[in-house]
Every structure is written in structure tokens, then in C-alpha cells.
Amino acid sequence: MEQAEIYERLTGIFHEVFGDDSIVLTPETTATDIPDWDSANHISLVVGAEARFGIRFKTAELEELRNVGEFVELIGKKLANRRH
């Protein structure tokens, strides 16, 4: 799956979780850029991504992420490994 498609799907998850269709994700987007991105919404984002992409994350993987770009890269790696 191309990164553009991952961003598109992930943006949909962000719109659903935050109820805000104006959110535009960039690789540099962090929790400080989106109002209401707290620990509860963070869990909703992770669970939503797992469901939407059919993958599972390990806690250690998530703790290392610094921005949306790294999250997209992790999703891409998980999807690539799933095919092998």
C-alpha cells in the first residue's frame, strides 16, 4: 500500500475520532497540533488503525513514535510484513 493511501485512510480515522473533518495530516503532525488529542483519543486512533488496516501494534512500537509520519511508516512496515 502506498503512503498516500495510508495517509488517506488514517485521515479518515482522525476525522472519526475527533469529529473534525478539517484535520489535515502531515508527516510532522503531533498530538500538540490537534486539540483534544489526549491519551483516550490516542487509544482510539491506535485501535482504529488496527481495525482499518488489519494489523496489530506492540506497545513498544507505539511508544517510540514521535509524529504521524513515523506512524505511517510503521503501518507501511506492518502491511509489508503481513504479505510475506
N, C-alpha and C. Protein backbone atom coordinates (compact mmCIF):
# COMPACT_ATOMS: atom_id res chain seq x y z
N MET A 1 0.85 -1.18 0.00
CA MET A 1 0.00 0.00 0.00
C MET A 1 0.90 1.24 0.00
N GLU A 2 0.57 2.16 -0.86
CA GLU A 2 1.35 3.39 -0.97
C GLU A 2 1.10 4.30 0.24
N GLN A 3 2.09 5.13 0.55
CA GLN A 3 1.94 6.04 1.69
C GLN A 3 0.75 6.97 1.54
N ALA A 4 0.47 7.40 0.32
CA ALA A 4 -0.67 8.30 0.11
C ALA A 4 -1.97 7.63 0.53
N GLU A 5 -2.11 6.34 0.25
CA GLU A 5 -3.32 5.63 0.64
C GLU A 5 -3.38 5.45 2.16
N ILE A 6 -2.23 5.20 2.77
CA ILE A 6 -2.19 5.09 4.23
C ILE A 6 -2.62 6.41 4.85
N TYR A 7 -2.07 7.54 4.35
CA TYR A 7 -2.47 8.85 4.87
C TYR A 7 -3.97 9.08 4.69
N GLU A 8 -4.49 8.68 3.54
CA GLU A 8 -5.92 8.88 3.27
C GLU A 8 -6.78 8.11 4.28
N ARG A 9 -6.44 6.85 4.49
CA ARG A 9 -7.20 6.04 5.45
C ARG A 9 -7.02 6.55 6.88
N LEU A 10 -5.80 6.91 7.22
CA LEU A 10 -5.52 7.40 8.56
C LEU A 10 -6.23 8.73 8.82
N THR A 11 -6.30 9.57 7.82
CA THR A 11 -7.02 10.84 7.95
C THR A 11 -8.48 10.58 8.27
N GLY A 12 -9.06 9.58 7.63
CA GLY A 12 -10.45 9.21 7.92
C GLY A 12 -10.63 8.80 9.37
N ILE A 13 -9.66 8.06 9.90
CA ILE A 13 -9.72 7.66 11.31
C ILE A 13 -9.65 8.88 12.21
N PHE A 14 -8.74 9.81 11.92
CA PHE A 14 -8.63 11.04 12.70
C PHE A 14 -9.93 11.83 12.65
N HIS A 15 -10.54 11.93 11.48
CA HIS A 15 -11.82 12.66 11.34
C HIS A 15 -12.88 12.02 12.22
N GLU A 16 -12.93 10.67 12.24
CA GLU A 16 -13.93 9.97 13.04
C GLU A 16 -13.68 10.16 14.54
N VAL A 17 -12.43 9.97 14.96
CA VAL A 17 -12.11 10.04 16.39
C VAL A 17 -12.33 11.44 16.94
N PHE A 18 -11.92 12.47 16.20
CA PHE A 18 -12.00 13.83 16.70
C PHE A 18 -13.26 14.58 16.25
N GLY A 19 -14.05 13.96 15.35
CA GLY A 19 -15.25 14.63 14.86
C GLY A 19 -14.94 15.92 14.15
N ASP A 20 -13.81 15.95 13.44
CA ASP A 20 -13.35 17.18 12.78
C ASP A 20 -12.81 16.84 11.39
N ASP A 21 -13.62 17.12 10.39
CA ASP A 21 -13.22 16.81 9.01
C ASP A 21 -12.21 17.80 8.44
N SER A 22 -11.82 18.81 9.22
CA SER A 22 -10.85 19.78 8.71
C SER A 22 -9.40 19.37 9.01
N ILE A 23 -9.21 18.28 9.77
CA ILE A 23 -7.86 17.84 10.11
C ILE A 23 -7.14 17.37 8.84
N VAL A 24 -5.95 17.92 8.65
CA VAL A 24 -5.08 17.51 7.54
C VAL A 24 -3.79 17.00 8.15
N LEU A 25 -3.49 15.74 7.87
CA LEU A 25 -2.28 15.14 8.44
C LEU A 25 -1.07 15.40 7.56
N THR A 26 0.05 15.68 8.21
CA THR A 26 1.34 15.79 7.54
C THR A 26 2.30 14.88 8.29
N PRO A 27 3.44 14.57 7.71
CA PRO A 27 4.40 13.74 8.44
C PRO A 27 4.82 14.34 9.77
N GLU A 28 4.78 15.66 9.89
CA GLU A 28 5.22 16.33 11.11
C GLU A 28 4.12 16.50 12.15
N THR A 29 2.88 16.13 11.85
CA THR A 29 1.78 16.31 12.78
C THR A 29 2.04 15.53 14.07
N THR A 30 1.83 16.22 15.21
CA THR A 30 1.95 15.58 16.51
C THR A 30 0.70 15.86 17.33
N ALA A 31 0.63 15.25 18.50
CA ALA A 31 -0.53 15.43 19.38
C ALA A 31 -0.74 16.89 19.76
N THR A 32 0.34 17.66 19.82
CA THR A 32 0.18 19.07 20.20
C THR A 32 -0.48 19.89 19.10
N ASP A 33 -0.54 19.35 17.89
CA ASP A 33 -1.15 20.07 16.76
C ASP A 33 -2.66 19.90 16.69
N ILE A 34 -3.21 18.91 17.40
CA ILE A 34 -4.63 18.61 17.30
C ILE A 34 -5.27 18.74 18.68
N PRO A 35 -6.19 19.71 18.83
CA PRO A 35 -6.88 19.86 20.11
C PRO A 35 -7.60 18.55 20.47
N ASP A 36 -7.65 18.24 21.72
CA ASP A 36 -8.34 17.05 22.24
C ASP A 36 -7.59 15.74 21.99
N TRP A 37 -6.36 15.80 21.45
CA TRP A 37 -5.59 14.56 21.28
C TRP A 37 -4.99 14.21 22.63
N ASP A 38 -5.76 13.47 23.41
CA ASP A 38 -5.32 13.04 24.72
C ASP A 38 -5.09 11.54 24.71
N SER A 39 -4.82 10.96 25.88
CA SER A 39 -4.50 9.53 25.92
C SER A 39 -5.67 8.66 25.48
N ALA A 40 -6.89 9.06 25.82
CA ALA A 40 -8.06 8.27 25.42
C ALA A 40 -8.24 8.29 23.90
N ASN A 41 -8.11 9.48 23.30
CA ASN A 41 -8.23 9.57 21.85
C ASN A 41 -7.06 8.89 21.15
N HIS A 42 -5.90 8.89 21.79
CA HIS A 42 -4.74 8.20 21.22
C HIS A 42 -5.04 6.70 21.10
N ILE A 43 -5.63 6.14 22.14
CA ILE A 43 -6.00 4.72 22.10
C ILE A 43 -7.03 4.48 21.00
N SER A 44 -7.98 5.38 20.86
CA SER A 44 -8.99 5.24 19.79
C SER A 44 -8.34 5.27 18.42
N LEU A 45 -7.31 6.12 18.25
CA LEU A 45 -6.60 6.17 16.97
C LEU A 45 -5.88 4.86 16.68
N VAL A 46 -5.22 4.32 17.69
CA VAL A 46 -4.47 3.06 17.53
C VAL A 46 -5.43 1.92 17.20
N VAL A 47 -6.51 1.81 17.97
CA VAL A 47 -7.49 0.75 17.74
C VAL A 47 -8.13 0.90 16.36
N GLY A 48 -8.43 2.13 15.99
CA GLY A 48 -9.00 2.39 14.67
C GLY A 48 -8.05 2.00 13.55
N ALA A 49 -6.77 2.32 13.73
CA ALA A 49 -5.78 1.96 12.71
C ALA A 49 -5.62 0.44 12.62
N GLU A 50 -5.61 -0.22 13.77
CA GLU A 50 -5.50 -1.68 13.75
C GLU A 50 -6.68 -2.31 13.00
N ALA A 51 -7.87 -1.80 13.25
CA ALA A 51 -9.06 -2.34 12.59
C ALA A 51 -9.07 -2.01 11.10
N ARG A 52 -8.76 -0.77 10.76
CA ARG A 52 -8.83 -0.33 9.37
C ARG A 52 -7.79 -1.01 8.50
N PHE A 53 -6.59 -1.23 9.06
CA PHE A 53 -5.50 -1.80 8.27
C PHE A 53 -5.31 -3.30 8.51
N GLY A 54 -6.02 -3.87 9.48
CA GLY A 54 -5.90 -5.30 9.75
C GLY A 54 -4.53 -5.68 10.30
N ILE A 55 -3.99 -4.84 11.18
CA ILE A 55 -2.67 -5.08 11.77
C ILE A 55 -2.76 -4.92 13.28
N ARG A 56 -1.69 -5.30 13.97
CA ARG A 56 -1.60 -5.13 15.42
C ARG A 56 -0.30 -4.43 15.77
N PHE A 57 -0.34 -3.55 16.74
CA PHE A 57 0.85 -2.83 17.19
C PHE A 57 1.28 -3.36 18.55
N LYS A 58 2.58 -3.32 18.79
CA LYS A 58 3.13 -3.62 20.11
C LYS A 58 3.29 -2.29 20.84
N THR A 59 3.11 -2.31 22.14
CA THR A 59 3.23 -1.09 22.93
C THR A 59 4.57 -0.41 22.70
N ALA A 60 5.64 -1.18 22.68
CA ALA A 60 6.98 -0.60 22.50
C ALA A 60 7.10 0.13 21.17
N GLU A 61 6.45 -0.39 20.12
CA GLU A 61 6.48 0.29 18.82
C GLU A 61 5.80 1.65 18.90
N LEU A 62 4.69 1.70 19.57
CA LEU A 62 3.91 2.94 19.68
C LEU A 62 4.61 3.97 20.54
N GLU A 63 5.31 3.52 21.58
CA GLU A 63 5.99 4.44 22.48
C GLU A 63 7.13 5.18 21.79
N GLU A 64 7.67 4.60 20.72
CA GLU A 64 8.79 5.21 20.01
C GLU A 64 8.36 6.27 18.99
N LEU A 65 7.08 6.30 18.65
CA LEU A 65 6.60 7.22 17.62
C LEU A 65 6.62 8.66 18.09
N ARG A 66 7.11 9.54 17.22
CA ARG A 66 7.17 10.97 17.55
C ARG A 66 6.19 11.81 16.75
N ASN A 67 5.68 11.28 15.63
CA ASN A 67 4.78 12.07 14.78
C ASN A 67 3.99 11.15 13.85
N VAL A 68 3.08 11.73 13.12
CA VAL A 68 2.23 10.95 12.22
C VAL A 68 3.06 10.28 11.12
N GLY A 69 4.10 10.94 10.65
CA GLY A 69 4.95 10.35 9.62
C GLY A 69 5.54 9.02 10.06
N GLU A 70 5.99 8.96 11.29
CA GLU A 70 6.54 7.70 11.82
C GLU A 70 5.44 6.66 11.98
N PHE A 71 4.24 7.08 12.33
CA PHE A 71 3.10 6.17 12.44
C PHE A 71 2.78 5.57 11.07
N VAL A 72 2.79 6.41 10.05
CA VAL A 72 2.53 5.95 8.68
C VAL A 72 3.60 4.95 8.25
N GLU A 73 4.86 5.24 8.57
CA GLU A 73 5.95 4.31 8.23
C GLU A 73 5.76 2.97 8.93
N LEU A 74 5.37 3.00 10.20
CA LEU A 74 5.15 1.77 10.95
C LEU A 74 4.00 0.97 10.33
N ILE A 75 2.92 1.65 9.98
CA ILE A 75 1.79 0.96 9.33
C ILE A 75 2.26 0.32 8.03
N GLY A 76 3.04 1.05 7.24
CA GLY A 76 3.56 0.51 5.99
C GLY A 76 4.40 -0.73 6.20
N LYS A 77 5.25 -0.71 7.21
CA LYS A 77 6.09 -1.88 7.52
C LYS A 77 5.23 -3.07 7.95
N LYS A 78 4.24 -2.81 8.77
CA LYS A 78 3.35 -3.89 9.23
C LYS A 78 2.61 -4.51 8.04
N LEU A 79 2.13 -3.67 7.14
CA LEU A 79 1.41 -4.17 5.97
C LEU A 79 2.34 -4.97 5.06
N ALA A 80 3.57 -4.51 4.89
CA ALA A 80 4.53 -5.23 4.05
C ALA A 80 4.88 -6.58 4.65
N ASN A 81 5.06 -6.63 5.97
CA ASN A 81 5.40 -7.89 6.65
C ASN A 81 4.24 -8.86 6.61
N ARG A 82 3.02 -8.35 6.59
CA ARG A 82 1.85 -9.21 6.55
C ARG A 82 1.76 -9.97 5.24
N ARG A 83 2.29 -9.38 4.18
CA ARG A 83 2.23 -10.01 2.85
C ARG A 83 3.27 -11.11 2.67
N HIS A 84 4.27 -11.13 3.55
CA HIS A 84 5.34 -12.11 3.37
C HIS A 84 5.11 -13.37 4.17
